[in-house]
N, C-alpha and C. Protein backbone atom coordinates (compact mmCIF):
# COMPACT_ATOMS: atom_id res chain seq x y z
N UNK A 1 -35.43 -13.99 -4.04
CA UNK A 1 -35.73 -15.47 -4.40
C UNK A 1 -36.54 -15.53 -5.64
N UNK A 2 -36.81 -14.21 -6.28
CA UNK A 2 -37.71 -14.69 -7.48
C UNK A 2 -36.71 -14.13 -8.52
N UNK A 3 -35.47 -13.66 -8.21
CA UNK A 3 -34.36 -13.87 -9.23
C UNK A 3 -34.04 -15.20 -9.48
N UNK A 4 -33.74 -15.79 -8.37
CA UNK A 4 -33.31 -17.08 -8.39
C UNK A 4 -34.10 -18.20 -9.22
N UNK A 5 -35.61 -17.98 -8.74
CA UNK A 5 -36.54 -19.10 -9.87
C UNK A 5 -36.27 -18.45 -11.08
N UNK A 6 -35.81 -17.56 -11.60
CA UNK A 6 -35.88 -17.17 -12.93
C UNK A 6 -34.28 -18.11 -13.31
N UNK A 7 -33.55 -17.86 -12.74
CA UNK A 7 -32.38 -18.59 -13.15
C UNK A 7 -32.83 -20.03 -13.15
N UNK A 8 -33.36 -20.66 -12.02
CA UNK A 8 -33.97 -22.03 -12.04
C UNK A 8 -34.51 -22.35 -13.55
N UNK A 9 -35.35 -21.43 -13.78
CA UNK A 9 -36.10 -21.63 -15.16
C UNK A 9 -34.97 -21.86 -16.16
N UNK A 10 -34.05 -21.23 -16.11
CA UNK A 10 -32.70 -21.22 -16.87
C UNK A 10 -32.18 -22.52 -16.99
N UNK A 11 -31.97 -23.02 -15.88
CA UNK A 11 -31.44 -24.42 -15.96
C UNK A 11 -32.11 -25.37 -16.57
N UNK A 12 -33.82 -25.19 -16.13
CA UNK A 12 -34.33 -26.20 -17.00
C UNK A 12 -34.39 -26.06 -18.67
N UNK A 13 -34.47 -25.07 -18.98
CA UNK A 13 -34.25 -24.57 -20.48
C UNK A 13 -33.03 -25.17 -21.16
N UNK A 14 -31.78 -25.54 -20.15
CA UNK A 14 -30.51 -26.34 -20.67
C UNK A 14 -30.43 -27.83 -20.16
N UNK A 15 -31.80 -28.30 -19.83
CA UNK A 15 -31.82 -29.51 -19.75
C UNK A 15 -31.26 -29.90 -18.17
N UNK A 16 -30.72 -29.10 -17.30
CA UNK A 16 -30.71 -29.41 -15.92
C UNK A 16 -31.78 -29.12 -15.08
N UNK A 17 -31.66 -29.80 -13.76
CA UNK A 17 -32.55 -29.68 -12.64
C UNK A 17 -32.76 -28.34 -12.37
N UNK A 18 -33.81 -27.85 -12.39
CA UNK A 18 -34.12 -26.20 -12.13
C UNK A 18 -33.71 -25.75 -10.53
N UNK A 19 -32.52 -25.47 -10.47
CA UNK A 19 -32.08 -24.85 -9.12
C UNK A 19 -31.51 -23.45 -9.60
N UNK A 20 -31.78 -22.50 -9.04
CA UNK A 20 -31.09 -21.12 -8.96
C UNK A 20 -30.73 -20.55 -7.84
N UNK A 21 -29.43 -19.80 -8.08
CA UNK A 21 -28.95 -19.14 -6.81
C UNK A 21 -28.24 -17.62 -7.14
N UNK A 22 -28.57 -16.78 -6.00
CA UNK A 22 -28.08 -15.41 -5.96
C UNK A 22 -27.44 -14.86 -4.79
N UNK A 23 -26.21 -14.64 -4.95
CA UNK A 23 -25.38 -14.16 -3.85
C UNK A 23 -25.76 -12.67 -3.85
N UNK A 24 -26.02 -11.88 -2.48
CA UNK A 24 -26.33 -10.63 -2.39
C UNK A 24 -25.17 -10.13 -1.28
N UNK A 25 -24.59 -8.95 -1.61
CA UNK A 25 -23.79 -8.22 -0.08
C UNK A 25 -24.43 -6.90 -0.01
N UNK A 26 -25.09 -6.39 0.74
CA UNK A 26 -25.88 -5.30 0.92
C UNK A 26 -27.01 -5.29 0.09
N UNK A 27 -27.10 -4.15 -1.00
CA UNK A 27 -28.15 -4.54 -1.81
C UNK A 27 -27.58 -4.68 -3.47
N UNK A 28 -26.49 -5.17 -3.47
CA UNK A 28 -25.82 -5.60 -4.84
C UNK A 28 -25.98 -7.04 -4.86
N UNK A 29 -26.25 -7.61 -5.99
CA UNK A 29 -25.91 -8.98 -6.44
C UNK A 29 -24.54 -9.10 -6.97
N UNK A 30 -23.64 -9.80 -6.27
CA UNK A 30 -22.46 -10.38 -6.67
C UNK A 30 -22.05 -11.53 -7.17
N UNK A 31 -23.29 -12.31 -7.36
CA UNK A 31 -23.08 -13.36 -8.02
C UNK A 31 -24.40 -14.19 -8.16
N UNK A 32 -24.42 -15.04 -9.09
CA UNK A 32 -25.90 -15.61 -9.68
C UNK A 32 -25.25 -17.20 -10.36
N UNK A 33 -26.11 -17.86 -10.21
CA UNK A 33 -26.00 -19.33 -10.88
C UNK A 33 -27.12 -20.22 -10.94
N UNK A 34 -26.78 -21.17 -11.83
CA UNK A 34 -28.04 -22.23 -11.83
C UNK A 34 -27.29 -23.31 -12.19
N UNK A 35 -27.99 -24.54 -11.90
CA UNK A 35 -27.47 -25.78 -12.04
C UNK A 35 -26.89 -26.12 -13.32
N UNK A 36 -25.63 -26.62 -13.60
CA UNK A 36 -24.99 -26.82 -14.91
C UNK A 36 -23.89 -28.00 -14.81
N UNK A 37 -24.52 -29.13 -14.02
CA UNK A 37 -23.34 -29.85 -14.01
C UNK A 37 -23.16 -30.66 -15.15
N UNK A 38 -24.62 -31.15 -15.90
CA UNK A 38 -24.63 -31.86 -17.04
C UNK A 38 -23.84 -31.15 -18.47
N UNK A 39 -23.98 -29.74 -18.60
CA UNK A 39 -23.53 -28.91 -19.67
C UNK A 39 -22.19 -28.77 -19.48
N UNK A 40 -21.68 -28.45 -18.34
CA UNK A 40 -20.21 -28.33 -17.83
C UNK A 40 -19.45 -29.63 -17.57
N UNK A 41 -20.12 -30.75 -17.61
CA UNK A 41 -19.56 -32.04 -17.40
C UNK A 41 -18.62 -31.77 -15.76
N UNK A 42 -19.29 -31.33 -15.18
CA UNK A 42 -18.56 -31.03 -13.88
C UNK A 42 -19.95 -31.10 -12.76
N UNK A 43 -19.25 -32.10 -11.66
CA UNK A 43 -20.34 -32.41 -10.59
C UNK A 43 -20.55 -31.43 -9.47
N UNK A 44 -19.42 -30.44 -9.64
CA UNK A 44 -19.66 -29.36 -8.55
C UNK A 44 -20.00 -28.23 -9.11
N UNK A 45 -20.81 -28.24 -10.27
CA UNK A 45 -21.27 -26.90 -11.09
C UNK A 45 -22.63 -26.69 -10.68
N UNK A 46 -23.24 -26.74 -9.31
CA UNK A 46 -24.62 -26.61 -8.80
C UNK A 46 -24.77 -25.11 -8.63
N UNK A 47 -25.84 -24.70 -8.45
CA UNK A 47 -26.28 -23.25 -8.73
C UNK A 47 -25.36 -22.32 -7.68
N UNK A 48 -25.39 -23.14 -6.39
CA UNK A 48 -24.96 -22.27 -5.21
C UNK A 48 -23.45 -22.32 -5.62
N UNK A 49 -22.87 -22.99 -6.02
CA UNK A 49 -21.08 -23.11 -6.31
C UNK A 49 -21.16 -22.08 -7.65
N UNK A 50 -21.71 -21.92 -8.58
CA UNK A 50 -21.58 -21.01 -9.51
C UNK A 50 -21.56 -19.58 -8.80
N UNK A 51 -22.56 -19.40 -8.14
CA UNK A 51 -22.88 -17.91 -7.60
C UNK A 51 -21.73 -17.72 -6.65
N UNK A 52 -21.40 -18.67 -5.85
CA UNK A 52 -20.01 -18.49 -4.79
C UNK A 52 -18.91 -17.94 -5.49
N UNK A 53 -18.56 -18.81 -6.89
CA UNK A 53 -17.43 -18.53 -7.61
C UNK A 53 -17.68 -17.25 -8.25
N UNK A 54 -18.66 -16.87 -8.85
CA UNK A 54 -18.77 -15.12 -9.35
C UNK A 54 -18.83 -14.60 -8.19
N UNK A 55 -19.03 -14.57 -6.75
CA UNK A 55 -19.05 -13.50 -5.94
C UNK A 55 -17.87 -13.61 -5.58
N UNK A 56 -16.69 -14.83 -5.43
CA UNK A 56 -15.38 -14.38 -5.28
C UNK A 56 -14.51 -13.47 -6.13
N UNK A 57 -14.98 -13.71 -7.25
CA UNK A 57 -14.19 -13.03 -8.55
C UNK A 57 -14.56 -11.55 -8.18
N UNK A 58 -15.82 -11.30 -8.05
CA UNK A 58 -16.38 -9.68 -7.88
C UNK A 58 -15.92 -9.24 -6.60
N UNK A 59 -15.70 -9.78 -5.44
CA UNK A 59 -15.01 -9.21 -4.15
C UNK A 59 -13.54 -9.27 -4.32
N UNK A 60 -13.01 -10.17 -5.08
CA UNK A 60 -11.62 -10.42 -5.18
C UNK A 60 -10.94 -11.21 -4.06
N UNK A 61 -11.83 -12.01 -3.49
CA UNK A 61 -11.56 -12.87 -2.11
C UNK A 61 -12.62 -14.10 -2.22
N UNK A 62 -11.71 -14.98 -1.35
CA UNK A 62 -12.52 -16.26 -1.35
C UNK A 62 -13.59 -16.10 0.03
N UNK A 63 -13.20 -15.15 0.91
CA UNK A 63 -14.27 -14.97 2.06
C UNK A 63 -15.47 -14.22 1.61
N UNK A 64 -16.42 -14.60 1.51
CA UNK A 64 -17.63 -13.91 1.13
C UNK A 64 -18.31 -13.59 2.20
N UNK A 65 -17.68 -12.60 2.83
CA UNK A 65 -18.30 -12.07 4.21
C UNK A 65 -19.67 -11.11 3.90
N UNK A 66 -20.09 -10.98 5.09
CA UNK A 66 -21.47 -10.31 4.93
C UNK A 66 -22.46 -10.50 3.69
N UNK A 67 -22.66 -11.51 3.27
CA UNK A 67 -23.18 -12.06 2.17
C UNK A 67 -24.44 -12.95 2.52
N UNK A 68 -25.61 -12.82 1.49
CA UNK A 68 -26.50 -13.82 1.71
C UNK A 68 -26.75 -14.54 0.52
N UNK A 69 -26.97 -15.58 0.55
CA UNK A 69 -27.22 -16.71 -0.47
C UNK A 69 -28.65 -16.95 -0.30
N UNK A 70 -29.03 -16.56 -1.63
CA UNK A 70 -30.48 -16.97 -1.97
C UNK A 70 -30.86 -18.42 -2.84
N UNK A 71 -31.34 -19.54 -2.52
CA UNK A 71 -31.34 -20.42 -3.29
C UNK A 71 -32.69 -21.07 -3.51
N UNK A 72 -33.16 -21.53 -4.42
CA UNK A 72 -34.70 -22.19 -4.57
C UNK A 72 -34.89 -23.69 -3.86
N UNK A 73 -33.48 -24.30 -3.52
CA UNK A 73 -33.77 -25.61 -3.08
C UNK A 73 -32.58 -25.78 -1.85
N UNK A 74 -32.89 -26.21 -0.79
CA UNK A 74 -32.02 -26.37 0.20
C UNK A 74 -30.72 -27.11 -0.32
N UNK A 75 -29.74 -26.77 0.05
CA UNK A 75 -28.10 -27.27 -0.55
C UNK A 75 -27.88 -28.51 0.10
N UNK A 76 -26.93 -28.76 -0.95
CA UNK A 76 -26.38 -30.42 -0.44
C UNK A 76 -25.21 -30.05 0.47
N UNK A 77 -24.61 -31.46 1.01
CA UNK A 77 -23.54 -31.29 1.90
C UNK A 77 -22.35 -30.24 1.06
N UNK A 78 -22.13 -30.63 -0.15
CA UNK A 78 -20.75 -29.95 -0.94
C UNK A 78 -21.22 -28.41 -0.87
N UNK A 79 -22.49 -28.01 -1.41
CA UNK A 79 -22.77 -26.52 -1.23
C UNK A 79 -22.76 -26.17 0.12
N UNK A 80 -22.98 -26.74 1.04
CA UNK A 80 -22.94 -26.25 2.62
C UNK A 80 -21.56 -25.96 2.99
N UNK A 81 -21.00 -27.01 2.41
CA UNK A 81 -19.46 -26.82 3.02
C UNK A 81 -18.72 -26.01 2.28
N UNK A 82 -19.01 -25.59 1.26
CA UNK A 82 -18.53 -24.44 0.27
C UNK A 82 -18.88 -23.05 1.16
N UNK A 83 -20.21 -22.75 1.34
CA UNK A 83 -20.84 -21.85 2.05
C UNK A 83 -19.96 -21.41 3.53
N UNK A 84 -19.78 -22.62 4.17
CA UNK A 84 -19.10 -22.39 5.34
C UNK A 84 -17.59 -21.84 5.18
N UNK A 85 -16.92 -22.77 4.15
CA UNK A 85 -15.52 -21.96 4.07
C UNK A 85 -15.49 -20.80 3.20
N UNK A 86 -16.67 -20.04 2.79
CA UNK A 86 -16.69 -18.65 2.37
C UNK A 86 -16.91 -17.88 3.04
N UNK A 87 -17.33 -18.28 4.36
CA UNK A 87 -18.24 -17.34 5.08
C UNK A 87 -19.15 -16.67 5.12
N UNK A 88 -19.98 -17.52 4.51
CA UNK A 88 -21.38 -16.74 3.97
C UNK A 88 -22.08 -16.39 5.40
N UNK A 89 -22.84 -15.40 5.60
CA UNK A 89 -23.41 -14.96 6.51
C UNK A 89 -24.84 -15.77 6.87
N UNK A 90 -25.44 -15.68 5.57
CA UNK A 90 -26.90 -15.99 5.78
C UNK A 90 -27.62 -17.04 4.70
N UNK A 91 -27.93 -17.75 4.64
CA UNK A 91 -28.73 -18.80 3.79
C UNK A 91 -30.24 -18.78 3.86
N UNK A 92 -30.99 -18.20 2.38
CA UNK A 92 -32.32 -18.31 2.21
C UNK A 92 -32.77 -19.22 1.31
N UNK A 93 -33.40 -20.00 1.75
CA UNK A 93 -33.89 -21.20 0.53
C UNK A 93 -35.56 -21.35 0.47
N UNK A 94 -35.82 -21.51 -0.68
CA UNK A 94 -37.11 -22.17 -0.99
C UNK A 94 -37.60 -23.31 -0.54
N UNK A 95 -37.28 -24.47 -1.42
CA UNK A 95 -37.87 -25.67 -1.16
C UNK A 95 -36.78 -26.44 -0.15
N UNK A 96 -37.30 -27.51 0.72
CA UNK A 96 -36.65 -28.44 1.48
C UNK A 96 -36.37 -29.57 0.71
N UNK A 97 -35.07 -30.45 0.65
CA UNK A 97 -34.88 -31.25 0.30
C UNK A 97 -34.61 -32.50 1.10
N UNK A 98 -35.28 -33.30 1.19
CA UNK A 98 -35.53 -34.46 2.50
C UNK A 98 -34.47 -35.42 2.26
N UNK A 99 -34.04 -35.58 0.96
CA UNK A 99 -33.39 -36.77 0.44
C UNK A 99 -31.70 -36.26 0.71
N UNK A 100 -31.48 -35.14 0.16
CA UNK A 100 -29.93 -34.49 0.37
C UNK A 100 -29.52 -33.25 0.99
N UNK A 101 -30.52 -32.65 1.42
CA UNK A 101 -30.56 -31.27 1.99
C UNK A 101 -29.80 -31.45 3.52
N UNK A 102 -28.65 -30.23 3.28
CA UNK A 102 -27.71 -30.19 4.61
C UNK A 102 -27.98 -28.90 5.34
N UNK A 103 -29.19 -28.49 5.23
CA UNK A 103 -29.35 -27.03 5.84
C UNK A 103 -30.66 -27.61 6.66
N UNK A 104 -30.77 -28.89 7.34
CA UNK A 104 -31.65 -29.02 8.40
C UNK A 104 -32.71 -30.27 7.72
N UNK A 105 -32.80 -30.55 6.59
CA UNK A 105 -33.76 -31.76 6.31
C UNK A 105 -33.22 -33.17 6.63
N UNK A 106 -32.22 -33.58 5.77
CA UNK A 106 -31.56 -34.82 5.95
C UNK A 106 -30.53 -34.30 7.30
N UNK A 107 -29.58 -33.58 7.01
CA UNK A 107 -28.73 -33.10 8.21
C UNK A 107 -28.27 -31.48 8.31
N UNK A 108 -28.05 -31.11 9.31
CA UNK A 108 -27.49 -29.86 9.36
C UNK A 108 -26.08 -29.35 9.69
N UNK A 109 -25.62 -29.54 8.19
CA UNK A 109 -24.05 -28.90 8.28
C UNK A 109 -23.70 -27.54 8.75
N UNK A 110 -24.85 -26.71 8.12
CA UNK A 110 -24.62 -25.39 8.41
C UNK A 110 -24.61 -24.99 9.66
N UNK A 111 -25.37 -25.49 10.36
CA UNK A 111 -25.51 -24.93 12.15
C UNK A 111 -24.84 -25.91 13.10
N UNK A 112 -23.79 -26.91 12.56
CA UNK A 112 -23.46 -27.85 13.46
C UNK A 112 -22.32 -27.26 14.25
N UNK A 113 -22.71 -27.72 15.29
CA UNK A 113 -21.60 -26.67 16.57
C UNK A 113 -20.22 -27.30 16.44
N UNK A 114 -19.93 -28.17 15.57
CA UNK A 114 -18.40 -28.52 15.44
C UNK A 114 -17.67 -27.62 14.20
N UNK A 115 -18.52 -26.97 13.50
CA UNK A 115 -18.19 -26.04 12.58
C UNK A 115 -17.20 -25.25 13.03
N UNK A 116 -16.30 -24.40 12.23
CA UNK A 116 -15.70 -23.31 12.56
C UNK A 116 -16.47 -21.88 12.34
N UNK A 117 -17.47 -22.33 11.51
CA UNK A 117 -18.14 -21.20 11.22
C UNK A 117 -19.98 -21.59 11.02
N UNK A 118 -20.85 -21.05 11.45
CA UNK A 118 -22.50 -21.23 11.45
C UNK A 118 -23.07 -20.14 10.37
N UNK A 119 -23.68 -20.67 9.46
CA UNK A 119 -24.69 -19.94 8.81
C UNK A 119 -25.79 -19.82 9.17
N UNK A 120 -26.55 -18.51 9.06
CA UNK A 120 -27.95 -18.41 9.63
C UNK A 120 -28.68 -19.07 8.66
N UNK A 121 -29.90 -19.66 8.98
CA UNK A 121 -30.90 -19.92 7.95
C UNK A 121 -32.10 -19.54 8.15
N UNK A 122 -32.83 -19.15 6.84
CA UNK A 122 -34.14 -18.97 6.76
C UNK A 122 -34.94 -19.77 5.42
N UNK A 123 -35.77 -20.77 5.71
CA UNK A 123 -36.16 -21.61 4.98
C UNK A 123 -37.64 -21.35 4.59
N UNK A 124 -38.13 -21.88 3.58
CA UNK A 124 -39.55 -21.86 3.04
C UNK A 124 -40.15 -20.56 2.12
N UNK A 125 -39.17 -19.77 1.73
CA UNK A 125 -39.20 -18.58 1.12
C UNK A 125 -39.79 -19.09 -0.23
N UNK A 126 -41.11 -18.62 -0.44
CA UNK A 126 -41.73 -19.08 -1.85
C UNK A 126 -41.49 -20.62 -2.03
N UNK A 127 -41.48 -21.44 -1.01
CA UNK A 127 -41.50 -22.71 -0.92
C UNK A 127 -42.06 -23.38 -1.83
N UNK A 128 -43.52 -22.97 -1.91
CA UNK A 128 -44.42 -23.81 -3.45
C UNK A 128 -43.93 -23.51 -4.25
N UNK A 129 -43.71 -22.44 -4.79
CA UNK A 129 -43.33 -22.02 -6.18
C UNK A 129 -42.08 -22.69 -6.29
N UNK A 130 -41.23 -23.02 -5.42
CA UNK A 130 -39.79 -23.49 -5.59
C UNK A 130 -40.07 -25.04 -5.79
N UNK A 131 -40.81 -25.52 -5.07
CA UNK A 131 -41.20 -27.15 -5.09
C UNK A 131 -41.85 -27.36 -6.35
N UNK A 132 -42.74 -26.58 -6.53
CA UNK A 132 -43.41 -26.89 -8.08
C UNK A 132 -42.86 -26.75 -9.13
N UNK A 133 -41.83 -25.66 -9.24
CA UNK A 133 -40.97 -26.22 -10.27
C UNK A 133 -40.18 -27.18 -10.65
N UNK A 134 -39.68 -27.73 -9.31
CA UNK A 134 -38.73 -28.97 -9.36
C UNK A 134 -39.69 -30.33 -9.88
N UNK A 135 -41.10 -30.19 -9.10
CA UNK A 135 -41.97 -31.38 -9.44
C UNK A 135 -42.54 -30.97 -10.83
N UNK A 136 -42.85 -29.93 -11.72
CA UNK A 136 -43.07 -30.03 -12.83
C UNK A 136 -41.83 -30.44 -13.75
N UNK A 137 -40.64 -30.23 -13.56
CA UNK A 137 -39.50 -30.73 -14.25
C UNK A 137 -39.53 -32.05 -14.03
N UNK A 138 -39.49 -32.86 -13.13
CA UNK A 138 -39.46 -34.39 -13.04
C UNK A 138 -40.74 -34.83 -13.64
N UNK A 139 -41.66 -34.29 -13.44
CA UNK A 139 -43.09 -34.93 -14.05
C UNK A 139 -42.80 -34.96 -15.56
N UNK A 140 -42.23 -33.60 -15.98
CA UNK A 140 -41.92 -33.57 -17.63
C UNK A 140 -40.96 -34.38 -18.05
N UNK A 141 -40.09 -34.69 -16.97
CA UNK A 141 -39.07 -35.63 -17.76
C UNK A 141 -39.11 -36.78 -17.73
N UNK A 142 -40.44 -37.35 -16.81
CA UNK A 142 -40.40 -38.94 -16.86
C UNK A 142 -41.72 -39.12 -17.86
N UNK A 143 -42.57 -37.82 -18.32
CA UNK A 143 -43.33 -38.32 -19.70
C UNK A 143 -42.69 -38.43 -20.67
N UNK A 144 -41.55 -37.50 -20.87
CA UNK A 144 -40.62 -37.58 -22.04
C UNK A 144 -40.01 -38.89 -22.43
N UNK A 145 -39.50 -39.56 -21.25
CA UNK A 145 -38.85 -40.78 -21.04
C UNK A 145 -40.01 -41.93 -21.51
N UNK A 146 -41.06 -41.89 -20.75
CA UNK A 146 -42.15 -42.75 -21.39
C UNK A 146 -42.46 -42.63 -22.63
N UNK A 147 -42.92 -41.32 -23.11
CA UNK A 147 -42.91 -41.29 -24.60
C UNK A 147 -41.98 -41.97 -25.55
N UNK A 148 -40.50 -41.93 -25.15
CA UNK A 148 -39.72 -42.30 -25.96
C UNK A 148 -39.65 -44.08 -25.82
N UNK A 149 -40.03 -44.41 -24.79
CA UNK A 149 -40.05 -45.91 -24.29
C UNK A 149 -41.05 -46.29 -25.16
N UNK A 150 -42.27 -45.86 -25.34
CA UNK A 150 -43.37 -46.44 -25.70
C UNK A 150 -42.99 -46.57 -27.44
N UNK A 151 -42.39 -45.18 -28.09
CA UNK A 151 -42.24 -45.02 -29.33
C UNK A 151 -41.23 -45.97 -29.67
N UNK A 152 -40.09 -46.52 -29.01
CA UNK A 152 -39.26 -47.51 -29.36
C UNK A 152 -40.15 -48.68 -29.43
N UNK A 153 -40.85 -49.07 -28.20
CA UNK A 153 -41.62 -50.64 -28.55
C UNK A 153 -42.42 -50.53 -29.82
N UNK A 154 -43.12 -49.36 -30.07
CA UNK A 154 -44.13 -49.40 -31.56
C UNK A 154 -43.16 -49.60 -32.65
N UNK A 155 -41.99 -48.84 -32.53
CA UNK A 155 -40.90 -49.05 -33.53
C UNK A 155 -40.66 -50.55 -33.77
N UNK A 156 -40.23 -51.30 -32.77
CA UNK A 156 -39.89 -52.35 -32.99
C UNK A 156 -40.91 -53.39 -33.21
N UNK A 157 -42.21 -52.95 -32.63
CA UNK A 157 -43.56 -53.90 -33.15
C UNK A 157 -43.63 -53.67 -34.68
N UNK A 158 -43.65 -52.64 -35.08
CA UNK A 158 -43.85 -52.16 -36.69
C UNK A 158 -42.66 -53.26 -37.49
N UNK A 159 -41.49 -53.22 -36.89
CA UNK A 159 -40.36 -53.95 -37.81
C UNK A 159 -40.50 -55.16 -37.57
N UNK A 160 -41.27 -56.04 -36.64
CA UNK A 160 -41.64 -57.52 -36.34
C UNK A 160 -42.48 -57.73 -37.75
N UNK A 161 -43.72 -56.61 -37.89
CA UNK A 161 -44.82 -56.82 -38.98
C UNK A 161 -44.57 -57.13 -40.22
């Protein structure tokens, strides 16, 4: 999870929501990713999807059997669906996502009895650190937007004088 947090910080540096993911098979990292939908102009470029894509290339298979995916934030429905299709064995995530989480918070896609594959879930690993990174990011983004609005208002006021 520490490596996933490092990747999440990389996302922040690129102006993306700081989420990181690491795909492991045995003791080997076979995929990693961080959020990149803005930079890639791709709504599917979530950290989990990036890690799964890389893992598929490493294994030369779309079935990612006997793997564990570590993610700093609870996956959304899209990412949960990809994990089911890839036959991920286990998901370990940090922060819960009450708004879009599909591993138990909003809904439980991964453990739904109607699915042809269930993913074992472990949640709350380094949860405070994962959630704190996200909170800090959004707090910083709001402060930047506020400062920009204030500067625009000041510039407009100066132009009227």
